[in-house]
Amino acid sequence: MRYSGKYDNVEFKVKGVPETAEAE
């Protein structure tokens, strides 16, 4: 951690968690 902001191309989309950017 932290996960958000690491990668240029993120194709994953998620539902069910409060922090979607972190999860993706």
PDB file of all heavy atoms in Angstrom:
ATOM      1  N   MET A   1       0.828  -1.193   0.000  1.00  0.00           N
ATOM      2  CA  MET A   1       0.000   0.000   0.000  1.00  0.00           C
ATOM      3  C   MET A   1       0.875   1.259   0.000  1.00  0.00           C
ATOM      4  O   MET A   1       2.042   1.186   0.364  1.00  0.00           O
ATOM      5  CB  MET A   1      -0.920   0.009   1.227  1.00  0.00           C
ATOM      6  CG  MET A   1      -0.168   0.127   2.545  1.00  0.00           C
ATOM      7  SD  MET A   1      -1.223   0.015   4.000  1.00  0.00           S
ATOM      8  CE  MET A   1      -2.383   1.323   3.751  1.00  0.00           C
ATOM      9  N   ARG A   2       0.402   2.427  -0.392  1.00  0.00           N
ATOM     10  CA  ARG A   2      -0.870   2.688  -1.018  1.00  0.00           C
ATOM     11  C   ARG A   2      -0.852   2.270  -2.478  1.00  0.00           C
ATOM     12  O   ARG A   2       0.213   2.182  -3.077  1.00  0.00           O
ATOM     13  CB  ARG A   2      -1.226   4.164  -0.904  1.00  0.00           C
ATOM     14  CG  ARG A   2      -1.446   4.617   0.551  1.00  0.00           C
ATOM     15  CD  ARG A   2      -1.915   6.060   0.628  1.00  0.00           C
ATOM     16  NE  ARG A   2      -3.140   6.344  -0.116  1.00  0.00           N
ATOM     17  CZ  ARG A   2      -4.348   6.289   0.406  1.00  0.00           C
ATOM     18  NH1 ARG A   2      -4.497   5.919   1.660  1.00  0.00           N
ATOM     19  NH2 ARG A   2      -5.391   6.574  -0.304  1.00  0.00           N
ATOM     20  N   TYR A   3      -2.048   2.031  -3.036  1.00  0.00           N
ATOM     21  CA  TYR A   3      -2.130   1.457  -4.375  1.00  0.00           C
ATOM     22  C   TYR A   3      -2.473   2.478  -5.459  1.00  0.00           C
ATOM     23  O   TYR A   3      -1.977   2.390  -6.577  1.00  0.00           O
ATOM     24  CB  TYR A   3      -3.167   0.325  -4.386  1.00  0.00           C
ATOM     25  CG  TYR A   3      -2.909  -0.705  -3.320  1.00  0.00           C
ATOM     26  CD1 TYR A   3      -3.716  -0.781  -2.181  1.00  0.00           C
ATOM     27  CD2 TYR A   3      -1.835  -1.577  -3.413  1.00  0.00           C
ATOM     28  CE1 TYR A   3      -3.467  -1.717  -1.194  1.00  0.00           C
ATOM     29  CE2 TYR A   3      -1.584  -2.514  -2.432  1.00  0.00           C
ATOM     30  CZ  TYR A   3      -2.403  -2.570  -1.321  1.00  0.00           C
ATOM     31  OH  TYR A   3      -2.149  -3.491  -0.334  1.00  0.00           O
ATOM     32  N   SER A   4      -3.326   3.424  -5.152  1.00  0.00           N
ATOM     33  CA  SER A   4      -3.778   4.364  -6.184  1.00  0.00           C
ATOM     34  C   SER A   4      -2.628   5.239  -6.665  1.00  0.00           C
ATOM     35  O   SER A   4      -1.729   5.598  -5.910  1.00  0.00           O
ATOM     36  CB  SER A   4      -4.909   5.240  -5.642  1.00  0.00           C
ATOM     37  OG  SER A   4      -4.511   5.923  -4.469  1.00  0.00           O
ATOM     38  N   GLY A   5      -2.671   5.549  -7.972  1.00  0.00           N
ATOM     39  CA  GLY A   5      -1.667   6.423  -8.566  1.00  0.00           C
ATOM     40  C   GLY A   5      -0.399   5.744  -9.012  1.00  0.00           C
ATOM     41  O   GLY A   5       0.533   6.402  -9.484  1.00  0.00           O
ATOM     42  N   LYS A   6      -0.327   4.420  -8.911  1.00  0.00           N
ATOM     43  CA  LYS A   6       0.905   3.717  -9.278  1.00  0.00           C
ATOM     44  C   LYS A   6       1.022   3.485 -10.782  1.00  0.00           C
ATOM     45  O   LYS A   6       2.113   3.572 -11.349  1.00  0.00           O
ATOM     46  CB  LYS A   6       0.967   2.355  -8.575  1.00  0.00           C
ATOM     47  CG  LYS A   6       1.360   2.381  -7.115  1.00  0.00           C
ATOM     48  CD  LYS A   6       1.478   0.946  -6.602  1.00  0.00           C
ATOM     49  CE  LYS A   6       1.858   0.881  -5.152  1.00  0.00           C
ATOM     50  NZ  LYS A   6       1.980  -0.514  -4.671  1.00  0.00           N
ATOM     51  N   TYR A   7      -0.105   3.151 -11.429  1.00  0.00           N
ATOM     52  CA  TYR A   7      -0.034   2.608 -12.790  1.00  0.00           C
ATOM     53  C   TYR A   7      -0.765   3.495 -13.796  1.00  0.00           C
ATOM     54  O   TYR A   7      -1.789   4.111 -13.492  1.00  0.00           O
ATOM     55  CB  TYR A   7      -0.617   1.191 -12.808  1.00  0.00           C
ATOM     56  CG  TYR A   7       0.027   0.288 -11.783  1.00  0.00           C
ATOM     57  CD1 TYR A   7      -0.700  -0.221 -10.707  1.00  0.00           C
ATOM     58  CD2 TYR A   7       1.377  -0.023 -11.864  1.00  0.00           C
ATOM     59  CE1 TYR A   7      -0.101  -1.037  -9.754  1.00  0.00           C
ATOM     60  CE2 TYR A   7       1.990  -0.828 -10.919  1.00  0.00           C
ATOM     61  CZ  TYR A   7       1.248  -1.331  -9.862  1.00  0.00           C
ATOM     62  OH  TYR A   7       1.854  -2.125  -8.919  1.00  0.00           O
ATOM     63  N   ASP A   8      -0.218   3.537 -15.001  1.00  0.00           N
ATOM     64  CA  ASP A   8      -0.743   4.422 -16.048  1.00  0.00           C
ATOM     65  C   ASP A   8      -2.035   3.896 -16.665  1.00  0.00           C
ATOM     66  O   ASP A   8      -2.957   4.664 -16.935  1.00  0.00           O
ATOM     67  CB  ASP A   8       0.311   4.615 -17.149  1.00  0.00           C
ATOM     68  CG  ASP A   8       1.543   5.340 -16.647  1.00  0.00           C
ATOM     69  OD1 ASP A   8       1.414   6.121 -15.680  1.00  0.00           O
ATOM     70  OD2 ASP A   8       2.638   5.117 -17.206  1.00  0.00           O
ATOM     71  N   ASN A   9      -2.106   2.593 -16.900  1.00  0.00           N
ATOM     72  CA  ASN A   9      -3.264   2.013 -17.580  1.00  0.00           C
ATOM     73  C   ASN A   9      -3.907   0.946 -16.705  1.00  0.00           C
ATOM     74  O   ASN A   9      -3.371  -0.156 -16.562  1.00  0.00           O
ATOM     75  CB  ASN A   9      -2.832   1.404 -18.929  1.00  0.00           C
ATOM     76  CG  ASN A   9      -2.217   2.438 -19.846  1.00  0.00           C
ATOM     77  OD1 ASN A   9      -2.825   3.464 -20.146  1.00  0.00           O
ATOM     78  ND2 ASN A   9      -0.986   2.192 -20.289  1.00  0.00           N
ATOM     79  N   VAL A  10      -5.046   1.293 -16.137  1.00  0.00           N
ATOM     80  CA  VAL A  10      -5.775   0.371 -15.254  1.00  0.00           C
ATOM     81  C   VAL A  10      -7.133   0.080 -15.879  1.00  0.00           C
ATOM     82  O   VAL A  10      -7.994   0.953 -15.957  1.00  0.00           O
ATOM     83  CB  VAL A  10      -5.959   0.980 -13.846  1.00  0.00           C
ATOM     84  CG1 VAL A  10      -6.730   0.024 -12.958  1.00  0.00           C
ATOM     85  CG2 VAL A  10      -4.603   1.321 -13.233  1.00  0.00           C
ATOM     86  N   GLU A  11      -7.309  -1.153 -16.334  1.00  0.00           N
ATOM     87  CA  GLU A  11      -8.549  -1.526 -17.015  1.00  0.00           C
ATOM     88  C   GLU A  11      -9.602  -2.093 -16.078  1.00  0.00           C
ATOM     89  O   GLU A  11     -10.758  -2.307 -16.475  1.00  0.00           O
ATOM     90  CB  GLU A  11      -8.264  -2.546 -18.116  1.00  0.00           C
ATOM     91  CG  GLU A  11      -7.797  -3.916 -17.648  1.00  0.00           C
ATOM     92  CD  GLU A  11      -6.286  -4.016 -17.494  1.00  0.00           C
ATOM     93  OE1 GLU A  11      -5.643  -2.981 -17.220  1.00  0.00           O
ATOM     94  OE2 GLU A  11      -5.751  -5.141 -17.629  1.00  0.00           O
ATOM     95  N   PHE A  12      -9.254  -2.329 -14.822  1.00  0.00           N
ATOM     96  CA  PHE A  12     -10.188  -2.942 -13.893  1.00  0.00           C
ATOM     97  C   PHE A  12     -11.171  -1.912 -13.328  1.00  0.00           C
ATOM     98  O   PHE A  12     -10.796  -0.777 -13.024  1.00  0.00           O
ATOM     99  CB  PHE A  12      -9.436  -3.607 -12.740  1.00  0.00           C
ATOM    100  CG  PHE A  12      -8.588  -4.766 -13.170  1.00  0.00           C
ATOM    101  CD1 PHE A  12      -7.215  -4.624 -13.321  1.00  0.00           C
ATOM    102  CD2 PHE A  12      -9.162  -5.992 -13.452  1.00  0.00           C
ATOM    103  CE1 PHE A  12      -6.424  -5.685 -13.729  1.00  0.00           C
ATOM    104  CE2 PHE A  12      -8.387  -7.064 -13.857  1.00  0.00           C
ATOM    105  CZ  PHE A  12      -7.013  -6.903 -14.006  1.00  0.00           C
ATOM    106  N   LYS A  13     -12.422  -2.332 -13.187  1.00  0.00           N
ATOM    107  CA  LYS A  13     -13.465  -1.543 -12.542  1.00  0.00           C
ATOM    108  C   LYS A  13     -14.109  -2.418 -11.468  1.00  0.00           C
ATOM    109  O   LYS A  13     -14.408  -3.589 -11.711  1.00  0.00           O
ATOM    110  CB  LYS A  13     -14.525  -1.083 -13.540  1.00  0.00           C
ATOM    111  CG  LYS A  13     -13.972  -0.171 -14.647  1.00  0.00           C
ATOM    112  CD  LYS A  13     -13.448   1.145 -14.080  1.00  0.00           C
ATOM    113  CE  LYS A  13     -12.887   2.035 -15.170  1.00  0.00           C
ATOM    114  NZ  LYS A  13     -12.273   3.279 -14.607  1.00  0.00           N
ATOM    115  N   VAL A  14     -14.315  -1.852 -10.288  1.00  0.00           N
ATOM    116  CA  VAL A  14     -14.816  -2.653  -9.178  1.00  0.00           C
ATOM    117  C   VAL A  14     -16.030  -2.006  -8.520  1.00  0.00           C
ATOM    118  O   VAL A  14     -16.257  -0.800  -8.654  1.00  0.00           O
ATOM    119  CB  VAL A  14     -13.718  -2.870  -8.111  1.00  0.00           C
ATOM    120  CG1 VAL A  14     -12.485  -3.509  -8.710  1.00  0.00           C
ATOM    121  CG2 VAL A  14     -13.359  -1.555  -7.431  1.00  0.00           C
ATOM    122  N   LYS A  15     -16.779  -2.832  -7.820  1.00  0.00           N
ATOM    123  CA  LYS A  15     -17.895  -2.374  -7.002  1.00  0.00           C
ATOM    124  C   LYS A  15     -17.877  -3.139  -5.686  1.00  0.00           C
ATOM    125  O   LYS A  15     -17.443  -4.285  -5.633  1.00  0.00           O
ATOM    126  CB  LYS A  15     -19.227  -2.632  -7.713  1.00  0.00           C
ATOM    127  CG  LYS A  15     -19.455  -1.796  -8.970  1.00  0.00           C
ATOM    128  CD  LYS A  15     -20.811  -2.117  -9.579  1.00  0.00           C
ATOM    129  CE  LYS A  15     -21.041  -1.295 -10.849  1.00  0.00           C
ATOM    130  NZ  LYS A  15     -22.363  -1.621 -11.466  1.00  0.00           N
ATOM    131  N   GLY A  16     -18.324  -2.477  -4.634  1.00  0.00           N
ATOM    132  CA  GLY A  16     -18.453  -3.159  -3.351  1.00  0.00           C
ATOM    133  C   GLY A  16     -17.496  -2.706  -2.274  1.00  0.00           C
ATOM    134  O   GLY A  16     -17.572  -3.180  -1.141  1.00  0.00           O
ATOM    135  N   VAL A  17     -16.561  -1.792  -2.626  1.00  0.00           N
ATOM    136  CA  VAL A  17     -15.610  -1.302  -1.633  1.00  0.00           C
ATOM    137  C   VAL A  17     -15.668   0.221  -1.577  1.00  0.00           C
ATOM    138  O   VAL A  17     -16.001   0.871  -2.568  1.00  0.00           O
ATOM    139  CB  VAL A  17     -14.164  -1.751  -1.961  1.00  0.00           C
ATOM    140  CG1 VAL A  17     -14.011  -3.240  -1.821  1.00  0.00           C
ATOM    141  CG2 VAL A  17     -13.758  -1.312  -3.361  1.00  0.00           C
ATOM    142  N   PRO A  18     -15.345   0.813  -0.423  1.00  0.00           N
ATOM    143  CA  PRO A  18     -15.402   2.272  -0.303  1.00  0.00           C
ATOM    144  C   PRO A  18     -14.318   3.003  -1.086  1.00  0.00           C
ATOM    145  O   PRO A  18     -14.514   4.148  -1.483  1.00  0.00           O
ATOM    146  CB  PRO A  18     -15.260   2.515   1.206  1.00  0.00           C
ATOM    147  CG  PRO A  18     -14.612   1.284   1.745  1.00  0.00           C
ATOM    148  CD  PRO A  18     -15.067   0.157   0.878  1.00  0.00           C
ATOM    149  N   GLU A  19     -13.179   2.363  -1.306  1.00  0.00           N
ATOM    150  CA  GLU A  19     -12.066   3.018  -2.011  1.00  0.00           C
ATOM    151  C   GLU A  19     -11.816   2.303  -3.341  1.00  0.00           C
ATOM    152  O   GLU A  19     -10.959   1.429  -3.454  1.00  0.00           O
ATOM    153  CB  GLU A  19     -10.801   2.979  -1.148  1.00  0.00           C
ATOM    154  CG  GLU A  19     -10.923   3.724   0.171  1.00  0.00           C
ATOM    155  CD  GLU A  19      -9.632   3.726   0.962  1.00  0.00           C
ATOM    156  OE1 GLU A  19      -8.686   4.417   0.527  1.00  0.00           O
ATOM    157  OE2 GLU A  19      -9.563   3.032   1.990  1.00  0.00           O
ATOM    158  N   THR A  20     -12.587   2.683  -4.365  1.00  0.00           N
ATOM    159  CA  THR A  20     -12.497   1.987  -5.645  1.00  0.00           C
ATOM    160  C   THR A  20     -11.150   2.200  -6.329  1.00  0.00           C
ATOM    161  O   THR A  20     -10.622   1.275  -6.947  1.00  0.00           O
ATOM    162  CB  THR A  20     -13.627   2.450  -6.585  1.00  0.00           C
ATOM    163  OG1 THR A  20     -13.574   3.876  -6.731  1.00  0.00           O
ATOM    164  CG2 THR A  20     -14.990   2.058  -6.023  1.00  0.00           C
ATOM    165  N   ALA A  21     -10.587   3.400  -6.243  1.00  0.00           N
ATOM    166  CA  ALA A  21      -9.294   3.663  -6.889  1.00  0.00           C
ATOM    167  C   ALA A  21      -8.203   2.780  -6.298  1.00  0.00           C
ATOM    168  O   ALA A  21      -7.347   2.255  -7.018  1.00  0.00           O
ATOM    169  CB  ALA A  21      -8.921   5.133  -6.755  1.00  0.00           C
ATOM    170  N   GLU A  22      -8.223   2.617  -4.979  1.00  0.00           N
ATOM    171  CA  GLU A  22      -7.255   1.741  -4.329  1.00  0.00           C
ATOM    172  C   GLU A  22      -7.408   0.308  -4.837  1.00  0.00           C
ATOM    173  O   GLU A  22      -6.427  -0.353  -5.183  1.00  0.00           O
ATOM    174  CB  GLU A  22      -7.462   1.774  -2.809  1.00  0.00           C
ATOM    175  CG  GLU A  22      -6.902   2.988  -2.117  1.00  0.00           C
ATOM    176  CD  GLU A  22      -5.395   2.935  -1.976  1.00  0.00           C
ATOM    177  OE1 GLU A  22      -4.898   2.235  -1.089  1.00  0.00           O
ATOM    178  OE2 GLU A  22      -4.711   3.586  -2.775  1.00  0.00           O
ATOM    179  N   ALA A  23      -8.644  -0.172  -4.888  1.00  0.00           N
ATOM    180  CA  ALA A  23      -8.895  -1.552  -5.298  1.00  0.00           C
ATOM    181  C   ALA A  23      -8.518  -1.788  -6.752  1.00  0.00           C
ATOM    182  O   ALA A  23      -7.912  -2.821  -7.090  1.00  0.00           O
ATOM    183  CB  ALA A  23     -10.367  -1.891  -5.079  1.00  0.00           C
ATOM    184  N   GLU A  24      -8.841  -0.857  -7.631  1.00  0.00           N
ATOM    185  CA  GLU A  24      -8.565  -1.037  -9.061  1.00  0.00           C
ATOM    186  C   GLU A  24      -7.073  -1.040  -9.345  1.00  0.00           C
ATOM    187  O   GLU A  24      -6.577  -1.860 -10.126  1.00  0.00           O
ATOM    188  CB  GLU A  24      -9.277   0.057  -9.852  1.00  0.00           C
ATOM    189  CG  GLU A  24     -10.789  -0.118  -9.876  1.00  0.00           C
ATOM    190  CD  GLU A  24     -11.556   1.118 -10.312  1.00  0.00           C
ATOM    191  OE1 GLU A  24     -10.917   2.148 -10.599  1.00  0.00           O
ATOM    192  OE2 GLU A  24     -12.802   1.058 -10.355  1.00  0.00           O
TER     193      GLU A  24
END
